[in-house]
Amino acid sequence: MSDDHMLYRIAGSFGRQSAMTTIGAKLTHVEPGRVVIELPHGDHVLQQNSFVHGGVIGMIADSACGYAALTVQTEDRTIVTSEYKINLLSPAVGERFVAEGRVVRAGRQLAVVQGDVFAINGAQRKHIAIMLATMTIIPKTGDMVD
């Protein structure tokens, strides 16, 4: 699959994710085995102490991991998350948040992916979460889209 086609496939799929649209996340970088998603700070994603909710941080990390895994799959395969563990390292306080998903290993049935989330404040970048995810690689059926 060409890099242009891979970008088209990933961007199209990301655009159909109403959850990412709802929270305001954007796909900002796609390359084989690596995807970056950014989320601006917003009052609609805060928890009671004015930090971005840990579930929202998990959402962008999970999506970055899943799309990173999808970048190394053929057109007839898709990805579903089967498991992840996230460590929230620091409160999610920042102007924006960057989730980077990177494939550690992709086999025929499973892909292991690492996700790192950073809080950005001006020129400062703080590591606030790390995820280790397992993605199950499944055949696409006629009614499935990435």
N, C-alpha and C. Protein backbone atom coordinates (compact mmCIF):
# COMPACT_ATOMS: atom_id res chain seq x y z
N MET A 1 0.85 -1.17 0.00
CA MET A 1 0.00 0.00 0.00
C MET A 1 0.89 1.24 0.00
N SER A 2 0.61 2.18 -0.89
CA SER A 2 1.41 3.40 -0.95
C SER A 2 1.14 4.26 0.28
N ASP A 3 2.10 5.14 0.60
CA ASP A 3 1.92 6.04 1.74
C ASP A 3 0.70 6.94 1.56
N ASP A 4 0.45 7.41 0.32
CA ASP A 4 -0.72 8.25 0.06
C ASP A 4 -2.01 7.48 0.31
N HIS A 5 -2.04 6.23 -0.14
CA HIS A 5 -3.24 5.41 0.06
C HIS A 5 -3.44 5.11 1.55
N MET A 6 -2.33 4.83 2.26
CA MET A 6 -2.42 4.56 3.69
C MET A 6 -2.97 5.79 4.41
N LEU A 7 -2.47 6.97 4.07
CA LEU A 7 -2.96 8.20 4.69
C LEU A 7 -4.45 8.39 4.41
N TYR A 8 -4.86 8.16 3.18
CA TYR A 8 -6.27 8.28 2.79
C TYR A 8 -7.13 7.31 3.60
N ARG A 9 -6.67 6.07 3.74
CA ARG A 9 -7.41 5.05 4.49
C ARG A 9 -7.55 5.43 5.96
N ILE A 10 -6.45 5.84 6.57
CA ILE A 10 -6.46 6.18 8.00
C ILE A 10 -7.28 7.45 8.23
N ALA A 11 -7.06 8.47 7.42
CA ALA A 11 -7.79 9.74 7.58
C ALA A 11 -9.29 9.54 7.38
N GLY A 12 -9.67 8.72 6.40
CA GLY A 12 -11.08 8.45 6.17
C GLY A 12 -11.73 7.76 7.35
N SER A 13 -11.04 6.78 7.89
CA SER A 13 -11.55 6.06 9.05
C SER A 13 -11.66 6.98 10.26
N PHE A 14 -10.62 7.76 10.49
CA PHE A 14 -10.62 8.68 11.63
C PHE A 14 -11.79 9.67 11.51
N GLY A 15 -12.05 10.13 10.31
CA GLY A 15 -13.13 11.08 10.09
C GLY A 15 -14.51 10.52 10.40
N ARG A 16 -14.65 9.19 10.38
CA ARG A 16 -15.93 8.55 10.69
C ARG A 16 -16.10 8.27 12.18
N GLN A 17 -15.10 8.58 12.99
CA GLN A 17 -15.19 8.32 14.43
C GLN A 17 -15.87 9.49 15.13
N SER A 18 -17.14 9.37 15.38
CA SER A 18 -17.86 10.46 16.03
C SER A 18 -17.31 10.75 17.43
N ALA A 19 -16.76 9.75 18.09
CA ALA A 19 -16.19 9.98 19.43
C ALA A 19 -15.02 10.96 19.36
N MET A 20 -14.16 10.80 18.36
CA MET A 20 -13.02 11.72 18.22
C MET A 20 -13.50 13.12 17.84
N THR A 21 -14.51 13.19 16.99
CA THR A 21 -15.08 14.48 16.60
C THR A 21 -15.69 15.17 17.82
N THR A 22 -16.41 14.42 18.63
CA THR A 22 -17.08 14.97 19.80
C THR A 22 -16.08 15.61 20.77
N ILE A 23 -14.95 14.98 20.99
CA ILE A 23 -13.98 15.55 21.94
C ILE A 23 -13.06 16.57 21.29
N GLY A 24 -13.07 16.67 19.96
CA GLY A 24 -12.25 17.67 19.26
C GLY A 24 -10.87 17.20 18.87
N ALA A 25 -10.64 15.88 18.85
CA ALA A 25 -9.33 15.34 18.49
C ALA A 25 -9.10 15.41 16.99
N LYS A 26 -7.84 15.58 16.61
CA LYS A 26 -7.44 15.67 15.20
C LYS A 26 -6.30 14.70 14.93
N LEU A 27 -6.34 14.10 13.77
CA LEU A 27 -5.26 13.25 13.28
C LEU A 27 -4.20 14.18 12.68
N THR A 28 -2.96 14.13 13.20
CA THR A 28 -1.95 15.08 12.74
C THR A 28 -0.74 14.45 12.05
N HIS A 29 -0.54 13.15 12.20
CA HIS A 29 0.62 12.52 11.55
C HIS A 29 0.33 11.04 11.34
N VAL A 30 0.66 10.56 10.15
CA VAL A 30 0.50 9.14 9.82
C VAL A 30 1.72 8.69 9.05
N GLU A 31 2.35 7.62 9.49
CA GLU A 31 3.42 6.96 8.76
C GLU A 31 3.34 5.48 9.11
N PRO A 32 3.96 4.62 8.34
CA PRO A 32 3.88 3.20 8.66
C PRO A 32 4.34 2.90 10.09
N GLY A 33 3.43 2.34 10.88
CA GLY A 33 3.76 1.97 12.25
C GLY A 33 3.67 3.08 13.27
N ARG A 34 3.25 4.28 12.86
CA ARG A 34 3.19 5.40 13.81
C ARG A 34 2.09 6.39 13.43
N VAL A 35 1.30 6.77 14.44
CA VAL A 35 0.21 7.73 14.24
C VAL A 35 0.21 8.71 15.42
N VAL A 36 -0.10 9.97 15.12
CA VAL A 36 -0.19 11.00 16.15
C VAL A 36 -1.57 11.65 16.08
N ILE A 37 -2.18 11.78 17.25
CA ILE A 37 -3.48 12.43 17.40
C ILE A 37 -3.32 13.55 18.42
N GLU A 38 -3.91 14.71 18.11
CA GLU A 38 -3.83 15.85 19.02
C GLU A 38 -5.22 16.24 19.50
N LEU A 39 -5.27 16.70 20.73
CA LEU A 39 -6.51 17.14 21.36
C LEU A 39 -6.27 18.50 22.01
N PRO A 40 -7.01 19.52 21.61
CA PRO A 40 -6.87 20.80 22.31
C PRO A 40 -7.56 20.74 23.68
N HIS A 41 -7.08 21.55 24.60
CA HIS A 41 -7.75 21.66 25.90
C HIS A 41 -9.17 22.16 25.65
N GLY A 42 -10.11 21.63 26.38
CA GLY A 42 -11.49 22.08 26.24
C GLY A 42 -12.27 21.79 27.50
N ASP A 43 -13.14 22.70 27.87
CA ASP A 43 -13.93 22.53 29.09
C ASP A 43 -14.84 21.30 29.03
N HIS A 44 -15.20 20.84 27.83
CA HIS A 44 -16.12 19.71 27.67
C HIS A 44 -15.47 18.35 27.96
N VAL A 45 -14.15 18.31 28.21
CA VAL A 45 -13.48 17.04 28.48
C VAL A 45 -12.81 17.00 29.86
N LEU A 46 -13.22 17.90 30.74
CA LEU A 46 -12.59 18.01 32.07
C LEU A 46 -13.29 17.15 33.11
N GLN A 47 -12.51 16.75 34.11
CA GLN A 47 -13.09 16.11 35.27
C GLN A 47 -13.23 17.16 36.38
N GLN A 48 -13.61 16.74 37.57
CA GLN A 48 -13.99 17.68 38.64
C GLN A 48 -12.87 18.58 39.13
N ASN A 49 -11.60 18.21 38.91
CA ASN A 49 -10.48 19.03 39.35
C ASN A 49 -9.88 19.86 38.22
N SER A 50 -10.60 19.95 37.11
CA SER A 50 -10.20 20.73 35.94
C SER A 50 -9.04 20.14 35.16
N PHE A 51 -8.76 18.86 35.35
CA PHE A 51 -7.81 18.13 34.50
C PHE A 51 -8.62 17.50 33.37
N VAL A 52 -7.98 17.26 32.23
CA VAL A 52 -8.66 16.48 31.20
C VAL A 52 -8.90 15.08 31.79
N HIS A 53 -10.09 14.59 31.62
CA HIS A 53 -10.49 13.30 32.20
C HIS A 53 -9.59 12.18 31.71
N GLY A 54 -9.22 11.28 32.60
CA GLY A 54 -8.36 10.14 32.25
C GLY A 54 -8.96 9.27 31.16
N GLY A 55 -10.28 9.16 31.13
CA GLY A 55 -10.93 8.39 30.07
C GLY A 55 -10.72 9.01 28.71
N VAL A 56 -10.68 10.32 28.65
CA VAL A 56 -10.43 11.03 27.38
C VAL A 56 -8.98 10.83 26.95
N ILE A 57 -8.07 10.88 27.90
CA ILE A 57 -6.66 10.61 27.59
C ILE A 57 -6.53 9.17 27.07
N GLY A 58 -7.25 8.24 27.69
CA GLY A 58 -7.26 6.86 27.20
C GLY A 58 -7.84 6.75 25.80
N MET A 59 -8.87 7.54 25.49
CA MET A 59 -9.48 7.50 24.15
C MET A 59 -8.48 7.88 23.07
N ILE A 60 -7.74 8.97 23.28
CA ILE A 60 -6.82 9.40 22.22
C ILE A 60 -5.62 8.45 22.12
N ALA A 61 -5.20 7.89 23.26
CA ALA A 61 -4.10 6.92 23.22
C ALA A 61 -4.53 5.64 22.50
N ASP A 62 -5.73 5.14 22.81
CA ASP A 62 -6.26 3.94 22.17
C ASP A 62 -6.40 4.13 20.67
N SER A 63 -6.93 5.27 20.25
CA SER A 63 -7.10 5.52 18.82
C SER A 63 -5.75 5.64 18.12
N ALA A 64 -4.78 6.31 18.75
CA ALA A 64 -3.45 6.42 18.15
C ALA A 64 -2.82 5.03 18.00
N CYS A 65 -3.00 4.18 19.01
CA CYS A 65 -2.46 2.82 18.94
C CYS A 65 -3.16 2.01 17.85
N GLY A 66 -4.47 2.07 17.81
CA GLY A 66 -5.22 1.31 16.81
C GLY A 66 -4.88 1.71 15.39
N TYR A 67 -4.79 3.00 15.16
CA TYR A 67 -4.46 3.46 13.81
C TYR A 67 -3.01 3.16 13.45
N ALA A 68 -2.11 3.21 14.44
CA ALA A 68 -0.73 2.82 14.15
C ALA A 68 -0.69 1.37 13.69
N ALA A 69 -1.45 0.50 14.36
CA ALA A 69 -1.51 -0.91 13.97
C ALA A 69 -2.13 -1.07 12.58
N LEU A 70 -3.15 -0.26 12.28
CA LEU A 70 -3.81 -0.35 10.98
C LEU A 70 -2.88 0.04 9.83
N THR A 71 -1.92 0.92 10.10
CA THR A 71 -1.02 1.36 9.02
C THR A 71 -0.18 0.24 8.45
N VAL A 72 -0.01 -0.84 9.20
CA VAL A 72 0.84 -1.94 8.72
C VAL A 72 0.02 -3.16 8.28
N GLN A 73 -1.28 -2.95 8.08
CA GLN A 73 -2.16 -4.03 7.64
C GLN A 73 -2.54 -3.86 6.17
N THR A 74 -2.92 -4.95 5.56
CA THR A 74 -3.40 -4.92 4.19
C THR A 74 -4.86 -4.46 4.17
N GLU A 75 -5.33 -4.10 2.97
CA GLU A 75 -6.69 -3.57 2.78
C GLU A 75 -7.80 -4.51 3.27
N ASP A 76 -7.53 -5.81 3.24
CA ASP A 76 -8.57 -6.78 3.60
C ASP A 76 -8.62 -7.08 5.09
N ARG A 77 -7.83 -6.35 5.88
CA ARG A 77 -7.77 -6.55 7.33
C ARG A 77 -8.15 -5.25 8.02
N THR A 78 -8.68 -5.39 9.22
CA THR A 78 -8.94 -4.23 10.06
C THR A 78 -8.51 -4.57 11.49
N ILE A 79 -8.65 -3.61 12.37
CA ILE A 79 -8.13 -3.71 13.73
C ILE A 79 -9.25 -3.46 14.73
N VAL A 80 -9.26 -4.22 15.80
CA VAL A 80 -10.09 -3.91 16.97
C VAL A 80 -9.21 -4.03 18.21
N THR A 81 -9.46 -3.17 19.16
CA THR A 81 -8.71 -3.23 20.42
C THR A 81 -9.19 -4.43 21.21
N SER A 82 -8.27 -5.26 21.64
CA SER A 82 -8.68 -6.39 22.48
C SER A 82 -8.27 -6.20 23.94
N GLU A 83 -7.28 -5.35 24.18
CA GLU A 83 -6.84 -5.14 25.57
C GLU A 83 -5.92 -3.93 25.61
N TYR A 84 -5.98 -3.19 26.69
CA TYR A 84 -4.94 -2.19 26.94
C TYR A 84 -4.80 -1.92 28.42
N LYS A 85 -3.63 -1.46 28.75
CA LYS A 85 -3.33 -1.00 30.10
C LYS A 85 -2.77 0.39 29.96
N ILE A 86 -3.27 1.31 30.77
CA ILE A 86 -2.77 2.67 30.72
C ILE A 86 -2.31 3.08 32.11
N ASN A 87 -1.17 3.73 32.15
CA ASN A 87 -0.68 4.34 33.36
C ASN A 87 -0.79 5.85 33.17
N LEU A 88 -1.56 6.49 34.05
CA LEU A 88 -1.68 7.94 34.03
C LEU A 88 -0.58 8.46 34.94
N LEU A 89 0.42 9.09 34.35
CA LEU A 89 1.64 9.46 35.06
C LEU A 89 1.54 10.80 35.77
N SER A 90 0.68 11.67 35.29
CA SER A 90 0.58 13.02 35.82
C SER A 90 -0.77 13.59 35.42
N PRO A 91 -1.31 14.53 36.20
CA PRO A 91 -2.58 15.14 35.79
C PRO A 91 -2.49 15.74 34.39
N ALA A 92 -3.57 15.62 33.64
CA ALA A 92 -3.62 16.10 32.26
C ALA A 92 -3.97 17.58 32.25
N VAL A 93 -2.92 18.39 32.40
CA VAL A 93 -3.05 19.84 32.40
C VAL A 93 -2.20 20.36 31.25
N GLY A 94 -2.80 21.08 30.33
CA GLY A 94 -2.03 21.60 29.21
C GLY A 94 -2.90 22.37 28.24
N GLU A 95 -2.24 23.00 27.29
CA GLU A 95 -2.94 23.71 26.22
C GLU A 95 -3.48 22.72 25.19
N ARG A 96 -2.72 21.63 25.01
CA ARG A 96 -3.13 20.57 24.09
C ARG A 96 -2.44 19.29 24.51
N PHE A 97 -2.92 18.19 23.96
CA PHE A 97 -2.43 16.86 24.33
C PHE A 97 -2.11 16.10 23.05
N VAL A 98 -0.98 15.42 23.05
CA VAL A 98 -0.51 14.70 21.88
C VAL A 98 -0.37 13.23 22.23
N ALA A 99 -1.09 12.38 21.50
CA ALA A 99 -1.00 10.92 21.69
C ALA A 99 -0.25 10.34 20.50
N GLU A 100 0.81 9.62 20.79
CA GLU A 100 1.63 8.98 19.76
C GLU A 100 1.51 7.47 19.91
N GLY A 101 1.00 6.80 18.88
CA GLY A 101 0.91 5.35 18.86
C GLY A 101 2.03 4.79 17.99
N ARG A 102 2.71 3.75 18.49
CA ARG A 102 3.83 3.16 17.75
C ARG A 102 3.76 1.64 17.85
N VAL A 103 3.80 0.99 16.69
CA VAL A 103 3.75 -0.48 16.66
C VAL A 103 5.05 -1.04 17.23
N VAL A 104 4.91 -1.91 18.21
CA VAL A 104 6.06 -2.61 18.78
C VAL A 104 6.31 -3.90 17.98
N ARG A 105 5.21 -4.63 17.72
CA ARG A 105 5.29 -5.85 16.91
C ARG A 105 3.93 -6.14 16.33
N ALA A 106 3.91 -6.46 15.06
CA ALA A 106 2.66 -6.85 14.40
C ALA A 106 2.83 -8.24 13.81
N GLY A 107 1.95 -9.15 14.22
CA GLY A 107 1.94 -10.50 13.67
C GLY A 107 0.74 -10.69 12.76
N ARG A 108 0.36 -11.95 12.53
CA ARG A 108 -0.78 -12.24 11.66
C ARG A 108 -2.11 -11.97 12.35
N GLN A 109 -2.16 -12.19 13.67
CA GLN A 109 -3.43 -12.07 14.38
C GLN A 109 -3.46 -10.96 15.43
N LEU A 110 -2.29 -10.59 15.93
CA LEU A 110 -2.21 -9.58 16.98
C LEU A 110 -1.13 -8.56 16.66
N ALA A 111 -1.36 -7.35 17.14
CA ALA A 111 -0.33 -6.31 17.10
C ALA A 111 -0.20 -5.75 18.51
N VAL A 112 1.02 -5.56 18.95
CA VAL A 112 1.28 -4.92 20.23
C VAL A 112 1.76 -3.51 19.93
N VAL A 113 1.12 -2.55 20.58
CA VAL A 113 1.36 -1.15 20.27
C VAL A 113 1.56 -0.37 21.56
N GLN A 114 2.47 0.59 21.53
CA GLN A 114 2.69 1.46 22.68
C GLN A 114 2.14 2.85 22.36
N GLY A 115 1.45 3.42 23.32
CA GLY A 115 0.94 4.78 23.18
C GLY A 115 1.51 5.66 24.27
N ASP A 116 1.96 6.83 23.89
CA ASP A 116 2.46 7.82 24.84
C ASP A 116 1.66 9.09 24.65
N VAL A 117 1.25 9.70 25.76
CA VAL A 117 0.50 10.94 25.69
C VAL A 117 1.30 12.02 26.41
N PHE A 118 1.36 13.18 25.77
CA PHE A 118 2.12 14.32 26.28
C PHE A 118 1.19 15.52 26.43
N ALA A 119 1.38 16.28 27.51
CA ALA A 119 0.72 17.56 27.68
C ALA A 119 1.67 18.63 27.16
N ILE A 120 1.14 19.52 26.34
CA ILE A 120 1.95 20.59 25.75
C ILE A 120 1.50 21.92 26.35
N ASN A 121 2.46 22.65 26.89
CA ASN A 121 2.24 24.01 27.41
C ASN A 121 3.34 24.88 26.84
N GLY A 122 3.01 25.68 25.85
CA GLY A 122 4.04 26.48 25.19
C GLY A 122 5.08 25.57 24.57
N ALA A 123 6.33 25.74 24.97
CA ALA A 123 7.43 24.91 24.46
C ALA A 123 7.67 23.68 25.33
N GLN A 124 6.94 23.57 26.44
CA GLN A 124 7.15 22.43 27.34
C GLN A 124 6.29 21.25 26.93
N ARG A 125 6.88 20.07 27.02
CA ARG A 125 6.20 18.81 26.68
C ARG A 125 6.39 17.86 27.86
N LYS A 126 5.29 17.44 28.48
CA LYS A 126 5.35 16.58 29.66
C LYS A 126 4.66 15.26 29.38
N HIS A 127 5.34 14.16 29.66
CA HIS A 127 4.80 12.81 29.47
C HIS A 127 3.76 12.57 30.57
N ILE A 128 2.49 12.39 30.19
CA ILE A 128 1.45 12.24 31.21
C ILE A 128 0.79 10.87 31.24
N ALA A 129 1.00 10.06 30.18
CA ALA A 129 0.38 8.73 30.17
C ALA A 129 1.14 7.81 29.23
N ILE A 130 1.13 6.53 29.59
CA ILE A 130 1.72 5.50 28.71
C ILE A 130 0.72 4.34 28.64
N MET A 131 0.55 3.81 27.44
CA MET A 131 -0.38 2.72 27.21
C MET A 131 0.35 1.58 26.51
N LEU A 132 0.03 0.37 26.88
CA LEU A 132 0.45 -0.81 26.13
C LEU A 132 -0.84 -1.49 25.70
N ALA A 133 -1.00 -1.67 24.39
CA ALA A 133 -2.27 -2.17 23.85
C ALA A 133 -2.04 -3.38 22.97
N THR A 134 -3.02 -4.26 22.97
CA THR A 134 -3.05 -5.39 22.06
C THR A 134 -4.21 -5.17 21.10
N MET A 135 -3.90 -5.20 19.82
CA MET A 135 -4.91 -5.04 18.79
C MET A 135 -5.10 -6.38 18.09
N THR A 136 -6.33 -6.77 17.90
CA THR A 136 -6.63 -8.00 17.17
C THR A 136 -6.84 -7.64 15.70
N ILE A 137 -6.18 -8.38 14.85
CA ILE A 137 -6.26 -8.18 13.40
C ILE A 137 -7.33 -9.13 12.88
N ILE A 138 -8.35 -8.55 12.24
CA ILE A 138 -9.46 -9.38 11.76
C ILE A 138 -9.71 -9.10 10.28
N PRO A 139 -10.27 -10.11 9.58
CA PRO A 139 -10.64 -9.87 8.18
C PRO A 139 -11.81 -8.90 8.11
N LYS A 140 -11.79 -8.02 7.14
CA LYS A 140 -12.92 -7.13 6.91
C LYS A 140 -14.00 -7.91 6.17
N THR A 141 -15.24 -7.71 6.58
CA THR A 141 -16.36 -8.29 5.86
C THR A 141 -16.97 -7.19 5.00
N GLY A 142 -17.90 -7.55 4.16
CA GLY A 142 -18.49 -6.61 3.21
C GLY A 142 -19.09 -5.36 3.83
N ASP A 143 -19.59 -5.46 5.05
CA ASP A 143 -20.24 -4.29 5.67
C ASP A 143 -19.30 -3.50 6.58
N MET A 144 -18.04 -3.90 6.68
CA MET A 144 -17.10 -3.21 7.57
C MET A 144 -16.28 -2.19 6.82
N VAL A 145 -16.02 -1.07 7.48
CA VAL A 145 -15.07 -0.09 6.99
C VAL A 145 -14.05 0.12 8.09
N ASP A 146 -12.88 0.60 7.72
CA ASP A 146 -11.86 0.86 8.75
C ASP A 146 -12.29 1.98 9.64
